[in-house]
């Protein structure tokens, strides 16, 4: 029930807590269901899983991002997330973060719809694990680590469809090797077929 626990629950978009029977919920969570098997409590201050931020904190790398994330008040990470490698944010922008909607969600792909009120970043509160690729309106775009552990994609003003697809480098390497092997086998087969034809012609 510590403030640190609440900050982490908010940041990681933990909206519901499952507690053992008889365990009191922390002061920042509200019980919504009690049974003999468990208590379910809701965290009303949890971050959304996806949103658009119009201000951000620029960081130079992971160590700097971790420092800035842990030093920032949790509500600020919603309106001004820490984004590694992002350009300097514009001055004089005071827009409140706006929600985004997840329209499909799978283990290897997530699709989000967002209407940006201005230039900003779509933040997806999912792990910034290597192998994820992003596209906006069908065009491949880079994504950046946000709040040290999540993903951010730059957006222009307007309505957009953002898609994240998981394509680990090992899988791509396997496809390349498999393709190269298939081409090599095909070339050997053609060479053998041609030599066979030549031998029959000489006989």
N, C-alpha and C. Protein backbone atom coordinates (compact mmCIF):
# COMPACT_ATOMS: atom_id res chain seq x y z
N UNK A 1 0.80 -1.20 0.00
CA UNK A 1 0.00 0.00 0.00
C UNK A 1 0.83 1.26 0.00
N UNK A 2 2.14 1.15 -0.25
CA UNK A 2 3.02 2.31 -0.21
C UNK A 2 2.82 3.20 -1.42
N UNK A 3 3.22 4.49 -1.33
CA UNK A 3 3.14 5.36 -2.51
C UNK A 3 3.94 4.81 -3.69
N UNK A 4 5.07 4.16 -3.40
CA UNK A 4 5.88 3.57 -4.47
C UNK A 4 5.09 2.50 -5.22
N UNK A 5 4.36 1.67 -4.48
CA UNK A 5 3.54 0.64 -5.12
C UNK A 5 2.46 1.26 -5.99
N UNK A 6 1.84 2.34 -5.50
CA UNK A 6 0.81 3.02 -6.29
C UNK A 6 1.41 3.61 -7.55
N UNK A 7 2.58 4.23 -7.44
CA UNK A 7 3.22 4.82 -8.62
C UNK A 7 3.48 3.76 -9.69
N UNK A 8 3.98 2.60 -9.27
CA UNK A 8 4.26 1.53 -10.22
C UNK A 8 2.97 0.99 -10.82
N UNK A 9 1.94 0.83 -9.99
CA UNK A 9 0.65 0.35 -10.49
C UNK A 9 0.07 1.33 -11.51
N UNK A 10 0.16 2.62 -11.22
CA UNK A 10 -0.33 3.64 -12.16
C UNK A 10 0.46 3.57 -13.47
N UNK A 11 1.78 3.59 -13.36
CA UNK A 11 2.64 3.64 -14.53
C UNK A 11 2.46 2.43 -15.44
N UNK A 12 2.28 1.25 -14.84
CA UNK A 12 2.14 0.03 -15.62
C UNK A 12 0.68 -0.28 -15.95
N UNK A 13 -0.18 0.71 -15.80
CA UNK A 13 -1.60 0.58 -16.19
C UNK A 13 -2.29 -0.59 -15.50
N UNK A 14 -1.94 -0.81 -14.23
CA UNK A 14 -2.58 -1.87 -13.45
C UNK A 14 -3.89 -1.33 -12.89
N UNK A 15 -4.98 -1.70 -13.54
CA UNK A 15 -6.28 -1.15 -13.14
C UNK A 15 -6.95 -2.00 -12.08
N UNK A 16 -6.70 -3.30 -12.08
CA UNK A 16 -7.37 -4.18 -11.12
C UNK A 16 -6.33 -4.97 -10.31
N UNK A 17 -6.63 -5.14 -9.04
CA UNK A 17 -5.79 -5.91 -8.13
C UNK A 17 -6.58 -7.12 -7.65
N UNK A 18 -5.95 -8.28 -7.67
CA UNK A 18 -6.57 -9.51 -7.16
C UNK A 18 -5.90 -9.84 -5.84
N UNK A 19 -6.67 -9.81 -4.76
CA UNK A 19 -6.13 -9.96 -3.41
C UNK A 19 -6.64 -11.25 -2.77
N UNK A 20 -5.80 -11.83 -1.93
CA UNK A 20 -6.20 -13.04 -1.22
C UNK A 20 -7.36 -12.72 -0.27
N UNK A 21 -8.17 -13.72 0.05
CA UNK A 21 -9.30 -13.48 0.96
C UNK A 21 -8.84 -12.88 2.28
N UNK A 22 -9.53 -11.85 2.72
CA UNK A 22 -9.21 -11.21 3.98
C UNK A 22 -8.10 -10.17 3.92
N UNK A 23 -7.43 -10.04 2.74
CA UNK A 23 -6.37 -9.06 2.60
C UNK A 23 -6.98 -7.70 2.30
N UNK A 24 -6.73 -6.70 3.13
CA UNK A 24 -7.32 -5.38 2.87
C UNK A 24 -6.66 -4.73 1.65
N UNK A 25 -7.42 -4.08 0.80
CA UNK A 25 -6.83 -3.39 -0.35
C UNK A 25 -6.03 -2.19 0.10
N UNK A 26 -5.03 -1.77 -0.68
CA UNK A 26 -4.30 -0.55 -0.33
C UNK A 26 -5.23 0.66 -0.35
N UNK A 27 -4.81 1.72 0.31
CA UNK A 27 -5.67 2.90 0.47
C UNK A 27 -6.02 3.53 -0.87
N UNK A 28 -5.17 3.34 -1.91
CA UNK A 28 -5.41 3.98 -3.20
C UNK A 28 -6.24 3.12 -4.15
N UNK A 29 -6.68 1.96 -3.70
CA UNK A 29 -7.52 1.08 -4.53
C UNK A 29 -8.87 0.89 -3.86
N UNK A 30 -9.90 0.73 -4.67
CA UNK A 30 -11.27 0.60 -4.15
C UNK A 30 -11.80 -0.80 -4.42
N UNK A 31 -12.19 -1.54 -3.39
CA UNK A 31 -12.73 -2.89 -3.62
C UNK A 31 -14.04 -2.83 -4.41
N UNK A 32 -14.16 -3.68 -5.39
CA UNK A 32 -15.38 -3.72 -6.20
C UNK A 32 -16.06 -5.08 -6.15
N UNK A 33 -15.34 -6.11 -5.64
CA UNK A 33 -15.93 -7.45 -5.55
C UNK A 33 -15.25 -8.22 -4.43
N UNK A 34 -16.05 -8.80 -3.55
CA UNK A 34 -15.53 -9.64 -2.48
C UNK A 34 -16.20 -11.01 -2.56
N UNK A 35 -15.41 -12.06 -2.59
CA UNK A 35 -15.92 -13.42 -2.56
C UNK A 35 -15.10 -14.20 -1.54
N UNK A 36 -15.51 -15.43 -1.31
CA UNK A 36 -14.75 -16.27 -0.38
C UNK A 36 -13.38 -16.64 -0.95
N UNK A 37 -13.22 -16.50 -2.28
CA UNK A 37 -11.96 -16.89 -2.92
C UNK A 37 -10.98 -15.74 -3.07
N UNK A 38 -11.49 -14.51 -3.23
CA UNK A 38 -10.59 -13.39 -3.49
C UNK A 38 -11.35 -12.08 -3.38
N UNK A 39 -10.57 -11.00 -3.30
CA UNK A 39 -11.12 -9.64 -3.36
C UNK A 39 -10.54 -8.96 -4.59
N UNK A 40 -11.40 -8.30 -5.36
CA UNK A 40 -10.96 -7.55 -6.53
C UNK A 40 -11.10 -6.06 -6.21
N UNK A 41 -10.01 -5.32 -6.42
CA UNK A 41 -10.02 -3.87 -6.18
C UNK A 41 -9.62 -3.15 -7.45
N UNK A 42 -10.14 -1.95 -7.65
CA UNK A 42 -9.85 -1.15 -8.84
C UNK A 42 -8.92 0.00 -8.45
N UNK A 43 -7.99 0.30 -9.36
CA UNK A 43 -7.07 1.43 -9.18
C UNK A 43 -7.53 2.56 -10.10
N UNK A 44 -8.24 3.56 -9.60
CA UNK A 44 -8.81 4.59 -10.47
C UNK A 44 -7.78 5.51 -11.11
N UNK A 45 -6.55 5.55 -10.59
CA UNK A 45 -5.55 6.45 -11.16
C UNK A 45 -4.60 5.75 -12.14
N UNK A 46 -4.89 4.50 -12.50
CA UNK A 46 -4.03 3.77 -13.43
C UNK A 46 -3.98 4.48 -14.79
N UNK A 47 -2.81 4.48 -15.40
CA UNK A 47 -2.67 5.04 -16.74
C UNK A 47 -3.51 4.23 -17.72
N UNK A 48 -3.96 4.87 -18.81
CA UNK A 48 -4.56 4.07 -19.89
C UNK A 48 -3.48 3.24 -20.56
N UNK A 49 -3.86 2.25 -21.30
CA UNK A 49 -2.84 1.44 -21.98
C UNK A 49 -2.27 2.18 -23.19
N UNK A 50 -3.05 3.06 -23.78
CA UNK A 50 -2.56 3.83 -24.93
C UNK A 50 -3.13 5.24 -24.86
N UNK A 51 -2.29 6.22 -25.21
CA UNK A 51 -2.73 7.62 -25.23
C UNK A 51 -1.78 8.43 -26.10
N UNK A 52 -2.18 9.69 -26.38
CA UNK A 52 -1.33 10.60 -27.16
C UNK A 52 -0.87 11.72 -26.24
N UNK A 53 0.45 11.92 -26.17
CA UNK A 53 1.04 12.99 -25.37
C UNK A 53 1.61 14.05 -26.30
N UNK A 54 1.44 15.32 -25.93
CA UNK A 54 1.87 16.44 -26.78
C UNK A 54 3.08 17.17 -26.20
N UNK A 55 3.50 16.75 -25.05
CA UNK A 55 4.74 17.24 -24.45
C UNK A 55 5.52 16.01 -24.02
N UNK A 56 6.82 16.14 -23.90
CA UNK A 56 7.62 14.99 -23.48
C UNK A 56 8.94 15.47 -22.91
N UNK A 57 9.60 14.55 -22.21
CA UNK A 57 10.92 14.80 -21.67
C UNK A 57 11.93 14.04 -22.53
N UNK A 58 12.87 14.76 -23.06
CA UNK A 58 13.87 14.12 -23.92
C UNK A 58 14.98 13.52 -23.06
N UNK A 59 15.41 12.30 -23.42
CA UNK A 59 16.52 11.67 -22.71
C UNK A 59 17.56 11.21 -23.72
N UNK A 60 18.80 11.14 -23.27
CA UNK A 60 19.91 10.80 -24.16
C UNK A 60 20.17 9.31 -24.24
N UNK A 61 19.60 8.53 -23.37
CA UNK A 61 19.84 7.09 -23.37
C UNK A 61 19.10 6.43 -22.23
N UNK A 62 19.32 5.13 -22.07
CA UNK A 62 18.53 4.36 -21.12
C UNK A 62 18.80 4.77 -19.68
N UNK A 63 20.06 5.01 -19.34
CA UNK A 63 20.38 5.40 -17.96
C UNK A 63 19.72 6.73 -17.63
N UNK A 64 19.82 7.69 -18.55
CA UNK A 64 19.19 9.00 -18.35
C UNK A 64 17.67 8.86 -18.29
N UNK A 65 17.12 7.99 -19.14
CA UNK A 65 15.66 7.78 -19.15
C UNK A 65 15.19 7.19 -17.83
N UNK A 66 15.94 6.23 -17.31
CA UNK A 66 15.56 5.62 -16.03
C UNK A 66 15.60 6.66 -14.91
N UNK A 67 16.62 7.49 -14.92
CA UNK A 67 16.72 8.53 -13.89
C UNK A 67 15.57 9.51 -13.98
N UNK A 68 15.29 9.98 -15.20
CA UNK A 68 14.20 10.94 -15.37
C UNK A 68 12.84 10.33 -15.03
N UNK A 69 12.66 9.06 -15.38
CA UNK A 69 11.39 8.40 -15.09
C UNK A 69 11.18 8.25 -13.59
N UNK A 70 12.20 7.83 -12.88
CA UNK A 70 12.05 7.63 -11.44
C UNK A 70 11.98 8.96 -10.69
N UNK A 71 12.57 10.03 -11.26
CA UNK A 71 12.52 11.34 -10.60
C UNK A 71 11.24 12.11 -10.88
N UNK A 72 10.49 11.72 -11.89
CA UNK A 72 9.30 12.48 -12.29
C UNK A 72 8.08 12.06 -11.47
N UNK A 73 7.24 13.01 -11.06
CA UNK A 73 5.96 12.64 -10.46
C UNK A 73 5.16 11.81 -11.47
N UNK A 74 4.50 10.78 -10.98
CA UNK A 74 3.81 9.87 -11.89
C UNK A 74 2.82 10.58 -12.83
N UNK A 75 2.01 11.53 -12.35
CA UNK A 75 1.09 12.20 -13.29
C UNK A 75 1.81 12.89 -14.44
N UNK A 76 3.03 13.38 -14.19
CA UNK A 76 3.77 14.06 -15.27
C UNK A 76 4.16 13.08 -16.37
N UNK A 77 4.38 11.81 -16.02
CA UNK A 77 4.76 10.82 -17.02
C UNK A 77 3.60 10.53 -17.98
N UNK A 78 2.40 10.90 -17.59
CA UNK A 78 1.26 10.77 -18.49
C UNK A 78 1.23 11.93 -19.48
N UNK A 79 1.38 13.15 -19.00
CA UNK A 79 1.31 14.32 -19.88
C UNK A 79 2.63 14.60 -20.58
N UNK A 80 3.75 14.21 -19.96
CA UNK A 80 5.07 14.48 -20.54
C UNK A 80 5.96 13.27 -20.31
N UNK A 81 5.74 12.17 -21.05
CA UNK A 81 6.55 10.97 -20.85
C UNK A 81 8.01 11.20 -21.22
N UNK A 82 8.87 10.36 -20.67
CA UNK A 82 10.30 10.39 -21.00
C UNK A 82 10.51 9.55 -22.26
N UNK A 83 11.04 10.16 -23.32
CA UNK A 83 11.20 9.46 -24.60
C UNK A 83 12.67 9.51 -25.01
N UNK A 84 13.27 8.34 -25.15
CA UNK A 84 14.68 8.26 -25.53
C UNK A 84 14.86 8.64 -27.00
N UNK A 85 15.80 9.52 -27.28
CA UNK A 85 16.14 9.85 -28.65
C UNK A 85 15.17 10.78 -29.34
N UNK A 86 14.17 11.28 -28.65
CA UNK A 86 13.19 12.20 -29.27
C UNK A 86 13.81 13.58 -29.43
N UNK A 87 13.32 14.36 -30.40
CA UNK A 87 13.81 15.74 -30.51
C UNK A 87 13.34 16.58 -29.34
N UNK A 88 13.88 17.77 -29.23
CA UNK A 88 13.47 18.67 -28.16
C UNK A 88 11.98 19.00 -28.32
N UNK A 89 11.19 18.90 -27.26
CA UNK A 89 9.75 19.16 -27.39
C UNK A 89 9.49 20.62 -27.71
N UNK A 90 8.37 20.92 -28.36
CA UNK A 90 8.05 22.31 -28.67
C UNK A 90 7.75 23.11 -27.41
N UNK A 91 8.00 24.38 -27.47
CA UNK A 91 7.71 25.25 -26.32
C UNK A 91 6.31 25.85 -26.47
N UNK A 92 5.72 26.17 -25.36
CA UNK A 92 4.41 26.83 -25.38
C UNK A 92 3.25 25.89 -25.65
N UNK A 93 3.49 24.56 -25.70
CA UNK A 93 2.41 23.61 -25.94
C UNK A 93 1.86 23.15 -24.59
N UNK A 94 0.59 23.33 -24.37
CA UNK A 94 -0.02 22.97 -23.09
C UNK A 94 -1.27 22.13 -23.30
N UNK A 95 -1.18 21.15 -24.19
CA UNK A 95 -2.33 20.29 -24.44
C UNK A 95 -2.35 19.14 -23.45
N UNK A 96 -3.53 18.80 -23.03
CA UNK A 96 -3.71 17.64 -22.16
C UNK A 96 -3.62 16.38 -23.00
N UNK A 97 -3.02 15.33 -22.46
CA UNK A 97 -2.95 14.06 -23.17
C UNK A 97 -4.36 13.58 -23.53
N UNK A 98 -4.48 12.96 -24.69
CA UNK A 98 -5.78 12.49 -25.16
C UNK A 98 -5.76 10.97 -25.30
N UNK A 99 -6.92 10.33 -25.15
CA UNK A 99 -6.95 8.87 -25.18
C UNK A 99 -6.79 8.31 -26.59
N UNK A 100 -6.36 7.07 -26.65
CA UNK A 100 -6.30 6.31 -27.89
C UNK A 100 -7.04 4.99 -27.65
N UNK A 101 -7.47 4.36 -28.73
CA UNK A 101 -8.30 3.15 -28.59
C UNK A 101 -7.61 1.95 -29.22
N UNK A 102 -7.49 0.89 -28.47
CA UNK A 102 -6.93 -0.35 -28.99
C UNK A 102 -8.04 -1.12 -29.67
N UNK A 103 -7.88 -1.39 -30.97
CA UNK A 103 -8.94 -2.04 -31.74
C UNK A 103 -8.65 -3.52 -31.98
N UNK A 104 -7.39 -3.93 -31.86
CA UNK A 104 -7.08 -5.36 -31.92
C UNK A 104 -5.83 -5.60 -31.08
N UNK A 105 -5.80 -6.75 -30.43
CA UNK A 105 -4.75 -7.01 -29.46
C UNK A 105 -4.39 -8.49 -29.51
N UNK A 106 -3.17 -8.79 -29.90
CA UNK A 106 -2.70 -10.17 -29.94
C UNK A 106 -1.30 -10.27 -29.40
N UNK A 107 -0.80 -11.49 -29.33
CA UNK A 107 0.54 -11.69 -28.77
C UNK A 107 1.63 -11.15 -29.68
N UNK A 108 1.35 -11.02 -30.99
CA UNK A 108 2.37 -10.55 -31.93
C UNK A 108 1.93 -9.34 -32.73
N UNK A 109 0.80 -8.75 -32.40
CA UNK A 109 0.37 -7.53 -33.08
C UNK A 109 -0.64 -6.78 -32.21
N UNK A 110 -0.54 -5.45 -32.26
CA UNK A 110 -1.48 -4.57 -31.55
C UNK A 110 -1.81 -3.43 -32.49
N UNK A 111 -3.10 -3.14 -32.67
CA UNK A 111 -3.53 -2.04 -33.53
C UNK A 111 -4.26 -1.00 -32.69
N UNK A 112 -3.87 0.26 -32.86
CA UNK A 112 -4.41 1.36 -32.07
C UNK A 112 -4.94 2.43 -33.01
N UNK A 113 -6.09 3.00 -32.69
CA UNK A 113 -6.63 4.16 -33.40
C UNK A 113 -6.49 5.38 -32.50
N UNK A 114 -6.03 6.49 -33.08
CA UNK A 114 -5.84 7.71 -32.29
C UNK A 114 -6.13 8.93 -33.15
N UNK A 115 -6.71 9.93 -32.54
CA UNK A 115 -6.89 11.23 -33.18
C UNK A 115 -6.03 12.23 -32.41
N UNK A 116 -4.97 12.70 -33.06
CA UNK A 116 -4.03 13.61 -32.41
C UNK A 116 -4.47 15.05 -32.62
N UNK A 117 -4.52 15.81 -31.54
CA UNK A 117 -4.90 17.22 -31.62
C UNK A 117 -3.77 18.08 -32.17
N UNK A 118 -2.58 17.54 -32.22
CA UNK A 118 -1.40 18.23 -32.75
C UNK A 118 -0.27 17.24 -32.83
N UNK A 119 0.90 17.71 -33.16
CA UNK A 119 2.06 16.82 -33.22
C UNK A 119 2.35 16.28 -31.83
N UNK A 120 2.59 14.99 -31.73
CA UNK A 120 2.86 14.38 -30.43
C UNK A 120 3.33 12.95 -30.61
N UNK A 121 3.16 12.17 -29.56
CA UNK A 121 3.58 10.78 -29.56
C UNK A 121 2.45 9.89 -29.07
N UNK A 122 2.20 8.81 -29.81
CA UNK A 122 1.33 7.76 -29.32
C UNK A 122 2.15 6.91 -28.36
N UNK A 123 1.68 6.78 -27.14
CA UNK A 123 2.36 5.97 -26.13
C UNK A 123 1.57 4.67 -25.94
N UNK A 124 2.24 3.55 -26.08
CA UNK A 124 1.62 2.25 -25.80
C UNK A 124 2.31 1.68 -24.57
N UNK A 125 1.51 1.42 -23.55
CA UNK A 125 2.04 0.97 -22.26
C UNK A 125 2.34 -0.52 -22.30
N UNK A 126 3.05 -0.96 -23.35
CA UNK A 126 3.51 -2.34 -23.50
C UNK A 126 5.03 -2.33 -23.54
N UNK A 127 5.62 -3.46 -23.24
CA UNK A 127 7.07 -3.55 -23.10
C UNK A 127 7.81 -3.15 -24.37
N UNK A 128 8.89 -2.38 -24.18
CA UNK A 128 9.74 -1.95 -25.30
C UNK A 128 10.76 -3.04 -25.62
N UNK A 129 10.26 -4.22 -25.97
CA UNK A 129 11.14 -5.37 -26.21
C UNK A 129 11.63 -5.34 -27.65
N UNK A 130 12.93 -5.63 -27.90
CA UNK A 130 13.43 -5.65 -29.28
C UNK A 130 12.65 -6.65 -30.14
N UNK A 131 12.47 -6.31 -31.39
CA UNK A 131 11.74 -7.17 -32.31
C UNK A 131 10.40 -6.60 -32.73
N UNK A 132 9.90 -5.61 -31.98
CA UNK A 132 8.65 -4.96 -32.37
C UNK A 132 8.92 -3.92 -33.46
N UNK A 133 8.02 -3.87 -34.44
CA UNK A 133 8.08 -2.87 -35.49
C UNK A 133 6.76 -2.11 -35.50
N UNK A 134 6.80 -0.87 -35.99
CA UNK A 134 5.62 -0.01 -35.94
C UNK A 134 5.33 0.57 -37.32
N UNK A 135 4.05 0.84 -37.56
CA UNK A 135 3.63 1.54 -38.78
C UNK A 135 2.51 2.50 -38.41
N UNK A 136 2.44 3.61 -39.14
CA UNK A 136 1.36 4.58 -38.99
C UNK A 136 0.68 4.72 -40.33
N UNK A 137 -0.61 4.41 -40.37
CA UNK A 137 -1.39 4.47 -41.61
C UNK A 137 -0.73 3.67 -42.72
N UNK A 138 -0.17 2.53 -42.35
CA UNK A 138 0.42 1.61 -43.32
C UNK A 138 1.87 1.89 -43.68
N UNK A 139 2.46 2.95 -43.15
CA UNK A 139 3.86 3.28 -43.45
C UNK A 139 4.74 2.95 -42.25
N UNK A 140 5.83 2.24 -42.51
CA UNK A 140 6.74 1.87 -41.42
C UNK A 140 7.36 3.11 -40.80
N UNK A 141 7.41 3.16 -39.49
CA UNK A 141 8.00 4.29 -38.76
C UNK A 141 8.83 3.74 -37.61
N UNK A 142 9.82 4.51 -37.15
CA UNK A 142 10.56 4.07 -35.97
C UNK A 142 9.74 4.28 -34.70
N UNK A 143 10.01 3.50 -33.69
CA UNK A 143 9.42 3.75 -32.38
C UNK A 143 10.55 3.95 -31.38
N UNK A 144 10.22 4.62 -30.27
CA UNK A 144 11.21 4.99 -29.28
C UNK A 144 10.78 4.47 -27.91
N UNK A 145 11.74 4.07 -27.06
CA UNK A 145 11.37 3.69 -25.69
C UNK A 145 10.80 4.89 -24.94
N UNK A 146 9.69 4.66 -24.25
CA UNK A 146 9.03 5.72 -23.47
C UNK A 146 8.95 5.30 -22.01
N UNK A 147 9.21 6.25 -21.11
CA UNK A 147 9.19 5.96 -19.67
C UNK A 147 10.02 4.71 -19.36
N UNK A 148 11.10 4.54 -20.12
CA UNK A 148 12.12 3.51 -19.95
C UNK A 148 11.67 2.12 -20.37
N UNK A 149 10.36 1.83 -20.35
CA UNK A 149 9.94 0.45 -20.57
C UNK A 149 8.83 0.29 -21.60
N UNK A 150 8.32 1.41 -22.18
CA UNK A 150 7.18 1.30 -23.07
C UNK A 150 7.54 1.78 -24.48
N UNK A 151 6.55 2.01 -25.35
CA UNK A 151 6.83 2.35 -26.75
C UNK A 151 6.14 3.66 -27.12
N UNK A 152 6.85 4.46 -27.91
CA UNK A 152 6.31 5.74 -28.37
C UNK A 152 6.51 5.85 -29.88
N UNK A 153 5.47 6.34 -30.56
CA UNK A 153 5.51 6.53 -32.02
C UNK A 153 5.12 7.98 -32.33
N UNK A 154 5.92 8.70 -33.11
CA UNK A 154 5.57 10.09 -33.43
C UNK A 154 4.34 10.16 -34.33
N UNK A 155 3.48 11.15 -34.06
CA UNK A 155 2.27 11.36 -34.85
C UNK A 155 2.15 12.81 -35.25
N UNK A 156 1.55 13.03 -36.41
CA UNK A 156 1.11 14.37 -36.80
C UNK A 156 -0.34 14.54 -36.37
N UNK A 157 -0.82 15.77 -36.44
CA UNK A 157 -2.22 16.02 -36.12
C UNK A 157 -3.12 15.24 -37.07
N UNK A 158 -4.23 14.75 -36.54
CA UNK A 158 -5.19 14.03 -37.38
C UNK A 158 -5.48 12.63 -36.87
N UNK A 159 -6.29 11.91 -37.63
CA UNK A 159 -6.67 10.55 -37.27
C UNK A 159 -5.67 9.57 -37.86
N UNK A 160 -5.30 8.57 -37.05
CA UNK A 160 -4.27 7.63 -37.48
C UNK A 160 -4.60 6.22 -36.98
N UNK A 161 -4.06 5.25 -37.72
CA UNK A 161 -4.08 3.85 -37.29
C UNK A 161 -2.62 3.44 -37.09
N UNK A 162 -2.30 3.03 -35.88
CA UNK A 162 -0.93 2.64 -35.54
C UNK A 162 -0.92 1.15 -35.29
N UNK A 163 0.00 0.47 -35.94
CA UNK A 163 0.08 -0.99 -35.78
C UNK A 163 1.48 -1.38 -35.31
N UNK A 164 1.51 -2.22 -34.29
CA UNK A 164 2.77 -2.79 -33.81
C UNK A 164 2.77 -4.28 -34.17
N UNK A 165 3.86 -4.74 -34.78
CA UNK A 165 4.00 -6.14 -35.16
C UNK A 165 5.31 -6.68 -34.59
N UNK A 166 5.25 -7.89 -34.08
CA UNK A 166 6.44 -8.50 -33.50
C UNK A 166 7.15 -9.35 -34.55
N UNK A 167 8.36 -8.93 -34.88
CA UNK A 167 9.18 -9.66 -35.86
C UNK A 167 10.61 -9.72 -35.33
N UNK A 168 10.89 -10.69 -34.48
CA UNK A 168 12.23 -10.76 -33.88
C UNK A 168 13.30 -11.00 -34.92
N UNK A 169 14.49 -10.47 -34.66
CA UNK A 169 15.60 -10.59 -35.60
C UNK A 169 15.94 -12.04 -35.87
N UNK A 170 15.81 -12.91 -34.87
CA UNK A 170 16.14 -14.33 -35.08
C UNK A 170 15.23 -14.97 -36.11
N UNK A 171 13.93 -14.56 -36.08
CA UNK A 171 12.99 -15.11 -37.06
C UNK A 171 13.33 -14.62 -38.46
N UNK A 172 13.67 -13.32 -38.58
CA UNK A 172 14.03 -12.78 -39.88
C UNK A 172 15.30 -13.44 -40.41
N UNK A 173 16.27 -13.64 -39.49
CA UNK A 173 17.51 -14.31 -39.90
C UNK A 173 17.21 -15.73 -40.39
N UNK A 174 16.29 -16.41 -39.70
CA UNK A 174 15.92 -17.76 -40.11
C UNK A 174 15.28 -17.78 -41.48
N UNK A 175 14.42 -16.79 -41.76
CA UNK A 175 13.80 -16.71 -43.08
C UNK A 175 14.84 -16.47 -44.17
N UNK A 176 15.81 -15.60 -43.87
CA UNK A 176 16.86 -15.30 -44.85
C UNK A 176 17.69 -16.55 -45.13
N UNK A 177 18.07 -17.26 -44.07
CA UNK A 177 18.87 -18.48 -44.24
C UNK A 177 18.07 -19.53 -45.00
N UNK A 178 16.80 -19.69 -44.64
CA UNK A 178 15.96 -20.68 -45.33
C UNK A 178 15.82 -20.34 -46.80
N UNK A 179 15.62 -19.02 -47.07
CA UNK A 179 15.51 -18.60 -48.48
C UNK A 179 16.78 -18.85 -49.24
N UNK A 180 17.93 -18.58 -48.63
CA UNK A 180 19.21 -18.81 -49.29
C UNK A 180 19.42 -20.29 -49.55
N UNK A 181 19.05 -21.14 -48.60
CA UNK A 181 19.19 -22.58 -48.79
C UNK A 181 18.29 -23.08 -49.92
N UNK A 182 17.06 -22.54 -49.97
CA UNK A 182 16.14 -22.95 -51.04
C UNK A 182 16.68 -22.56 -52.41
N UNK A 183 17.25 -21.35 -52.50
CA UNK A 183 17.83 -20.91 -53.77
C UNK A 183 19.01 -21.78 -54.15
N UNK A 184 19.85 -22.12 -53.16
CA UNK A 184 21.02 -22.96 -53.44
C UNK A 184 20.59 -24.35 -53.92
N UNK A 185 19.58 -24.93 -53.27
CA UNK A 185 19.10 -26.25 -53.68
C UNK A 185 18.50 -26.22 -55.08
N UNK A 186 17.77 -25.13 -55.38
CA UNK A 186 17.20 -24.99 -56.71
C UNK A 186 18.29 -24.88 -57.76
N UNK A 187 19.35 -24.10 -57.44
CA UNK A 187 20.47 -23.96 -58.38
C UNK A 187 21.15 -25.29 -58.62
N UNK A 188 21.37 -26.07 -57.55
CA UNK A 188 21.99 -27.39 -57.71
C UNK A 188 21.12 -28.32 -58.54
N UNK A 189 19.81 -28.25 -58.31
CA UNK A 189 18.90 -29.09 -59.08
C UNK A 189 18.95 -28.73 -60.56
N UNK A 190 19.00 -27.43 -60.88
CA UNK A 190 19.06 -27.00 -62.28
C UNK A 190 20.38 -27.43 -62.92
N UNK A 191 21.48 -27.33 -62.15
CA UNK A 191 22.77 -27.75 -62.68
C UNK A 191 22.75 -29.25 -62.97
N UNK A 192 22.20 -30.04 -62.04
CA UNK A 192 22.14 -31.49 -62.24
C UNK A 192 21.26 -31.85 -63.43
N UNK A 193 20.14 -31.13 -63.57
CA UNK A 193 19.24 -31.41 -64.70
C UNK A 193 19.92 -31.08 -66.03
N UNK A 194 20.65 -29.96 -66.05
CA UNK A 194 21.34 -29.57 -67.29
C UNK A 194 22.44 -30.55 -67.64
N UNK A 195 23.22 -31.00 -66.64
CA UNK A 195 24.28 -31.96 -66.90
C UNK A 195 23.71 -33.29 -67.39
N UNK A 196 22.56 -33.66 -66.83
CA UNK A 196 21.91 -34.91 -67.26
C UNK A 196 21.49 -34.82 -68.73
N UNK A 197 20.94 -33.68 -69.14
CA UNK A 197 20.53 -33.48 -70.52
C UNK A 197 21.75 -33.50 -71.45
N UNK A 198 22.81 -32.87 -71.02
CA UNK A 198 24.03 -32.86 -71.85
C UNK A 198 24.58 -34.28 -72.02
N UNK A 199 24.55 -35.06 -70.93
CA UNK A 199 25.06 -36.43 -71.01
C UNK A 199 24.22 -37.28 -71.93
N UNK A 200 22.91 -37.11 -71.89
CA UNK A 200 22.04 -37.87 -72.77
C UNK A 200 22.26 -37.46 -74.23
N UNK A 201 22.51 -36.20 -74.43
CA UNK A 201 22.73 -35.72 -75.81
C UNK A 201 24.03 -36.25 -76.39
N UNK A 202 25.05 -36.41 -75.55
CA UNK A 202 26.31 -36.92 -76.04
C UNK A 202 26.25 -38.42 -76.29
N UNK A 203 25.40 -39.13 -75.55
CA UNK A 203 25.30 -40.58 -75.72
C UNK A 203 24.51 -40.91 -76.95
